[in-house]
Amino acid sequence: MTYNSTYQDRAGQSAKAKQKALEQYRDRPPVDEKLAAERKAAGEARAAAKAQKVAEKKAERQAKAEAAAAEEAAKAAAAAPKSEAELKAARDERYAKRKARK
């Protein structure tokens, strides 16, 4: 294509390029059905393996979350406010220590 090419020149070049592309498309080898089936099976196997891996990771994350929740519950139970009887016992113990010092 040059600077002074006309519309007809450009249209002709375009038509030739389209024809060449069409011929290349027609000249490509036919699809081997056996090879295509193997590729499809391999793709499905990869997809199944990936899905299994994702499921395993999800289960692992869920187990970790449950363990963390159980640990939090145990900490909360340990840090729970003491009952009145426990508070009274601690108060009496402090009182007894004070009296013992005197």
Protein backbone atom coordinates (compact mmCIF):
# COMPACT_ATOMS: atom_id res chain seq x y z
CA MET A 1 0.00 0.00 0.00
CA THR A 2 1.43 3.32 -0.96
CA TYR A 3 0.53 6.89 -0.22
CA ASN A 4 -1.21 7.40 -3.56
CA SER A 5 -3.14 4.11 -3.74
CA THR A 6 -6.77 4.41 -4.73
CA TYR A 7 -9.85 2.98 -3.10
CA GLN A 8 -10.02 0.27 -5.75
CA ASP A 9 -6.41 -0.76 -5.00
CA ARG A 10 -7.12 -1.03 -1.28
CA ALA A 11 -10.39 -2.91 -1.86
CA GLY A 12 -8.59 -5.36 -4.17
CA GLN A 13 -5.85 -5.96 -1.61
CA SER A 14 -8.48 -6.53 1.05
CA ALA A 15 -10.31 -9.05 -1.16
CA LYS A 16 -7.04 -10.90 -1.84
CA ALA A 17 -6.23 -11.02 1.88
CA LYS A 18 -9.71 -12.36 2.69
CA GLN A 19 -9.40 -15.00 -0.04
CA LYS A 20 -5.98 -16.06 1.26
CA ALA A 21 -7.33 -16.37 4.81
CA LEU A 22 -10.28 -18.44 3.56
CA GLU A 23 -7.95 -20.78 1.67
CA GLN A 24 -5.77 -21.24 4.74
CA TYR A 25 -8.87 -22.04 6.77
CA ARG A 26 -10.00 -24.63 4.21
CA ASP A 27 -6.51 -26.17 3.93
CA ARG A 28 -6.14 -26.88 7.64
CA PRO A 29 -6.14 -30.56 8.59
CA PRO A 30 -9.41 -32.14 9.74
CA VAL A 31 -10.04 -32.64 13.45
CA ASP A 32 -8.98 -36.04 14.75
CA GLU A 33 -12.00 -37.26 16.73
CA LYS A 34 -9.91 -39.58 18.91
CA LEU A 35 -7.50 -36.81 19.84
CA ALA A 36 -10.35 -34.40 20.52
CA ALA A 37 -12.02 -36.96 22.80
CA GLU A 38 -8.75 -37.49 24.69
CA ARG A 39 -8.32 -33.74 25.16
CA LYS A 40 -11.88 -33.41 26.38
CA ALA A 41 -11.43 -36.28 28.86
CA ALA A 42 -8.19 -34.76 30.12
CA GLY A 43 -9.91 -31.42 30.59
CA GLU A 44 -12.75 -33.02 32.52
CA ALA A 45 -10.23 -34.89 34.71
CA ARG A 46 -8.42 -31.62 35.45
CA ALA A 47 -11.72 -29.95 36.30
CA ALA A 48 -12.69 -32.80 38.63
CA ALA A 49 -9.29 -32.69 40.36
CA LYS A 50 -9.58 -28.93 40.80
CA ALA A 51 -13.10 -29.26 42.22
CA GLN A 52 -11.90 -31.90 44.67
CA LYS A 53 -8.97 -29.73 45.74
CA VAL A 54 -11.30 -26.76 46.26
CA ALA A 55 -13.65 -28.93 48.33
CA GLU A 56 -10.75 -30.19 50.46
CA LYS A 57 -9.53 -26.63 51.08
CA LYS A 58 -13.05 -25.55 51.99
CA ALA A 59 -13.40 -28.43 54.46
CA GLU A 60 -10.00 -27.62 55.95
CA ARG A 61 -10.92 -23.95 56.36
CA GLN A 62 -14.23 -24.92 57.93
CA ALA A 63 -12.48 -27.27 60.37
CA LYS A 64 -10.03 -24.53 61.33
CA ALA A 65 -12.90 -22.09 61.83
CA GLU A 66 -14.77 -24.58 64.02
CA ALA A 67 -11.62 -25.23 66.07
CA ALA A 68 -11.08 -21.50 66.50
CA ALA A 69 -14.71 -21.05 67.54
CA ALA A 70 -14.41 -23.88 70.08
CA GLU A 71 -11.23 -22.32 71.46
CA GLU A 72 -12.94 -18.92 71.72
CA ALA A 73 -15.86 -20.54 73.53
CA ALA A 74 -13.47 -22.24 75.96
CA LYS A 75 -11.69 -18.92 76.63
CA ALA A 76 -15.02 -17.18 77.12
CA ALA A 77 -16.15 -19.88 79.54
CA ALA A 78 -12.90 -19.58 81.50
CA ALA A 79 -13.19 -15.81 81.63
CA ALA A 80 -16.88 -15.89 82.53
CA PRO A 81 -17.87 -13.90 85.60
CA LYS A 82 -17.67 -15.86 88.81
CA SER A 83 -20.76 -16.84 90.71
CA GLU A 84 -21.70 -15.13 93.96
CA ALA A 85 -20.55 -18.09 95.99
CA GLU A 86 -17.11 -18.00 94.37
CA LEU A 87 -16.86 -14.24 94.92
CA LYS A 88 -17.88 -14.65 98.57
CA ALA A 89 -15.30 -17.39 99.06
CA ALA A 90 -12.55 -15.20 97.58
CA ARG A 91 -13.65 -12.26 99.76
CA ASP A 92 -13.66 -14.43 102.89
CA GLU A 93 -10.20 -15.73 102.02
CA ARG A 94 -8.82 -12.18 101.70
CA TYR A 95 -10.48 -11.26 105.00
CA ALA A 96 -8.92 -14.28 106.73
CA LYS A 97 -5.44 -13.37 105.40
CA ARG A 98 -5.84 -9.80 106.68
CA LYS A 99 -6.88 -11.04 110.13
CA ALA A 100 -3.96 -13.49 110.19
CA ARG A 101 -1.47 -10.66 109.58
CA LYS A 102 -2.66 -8.64 112.59
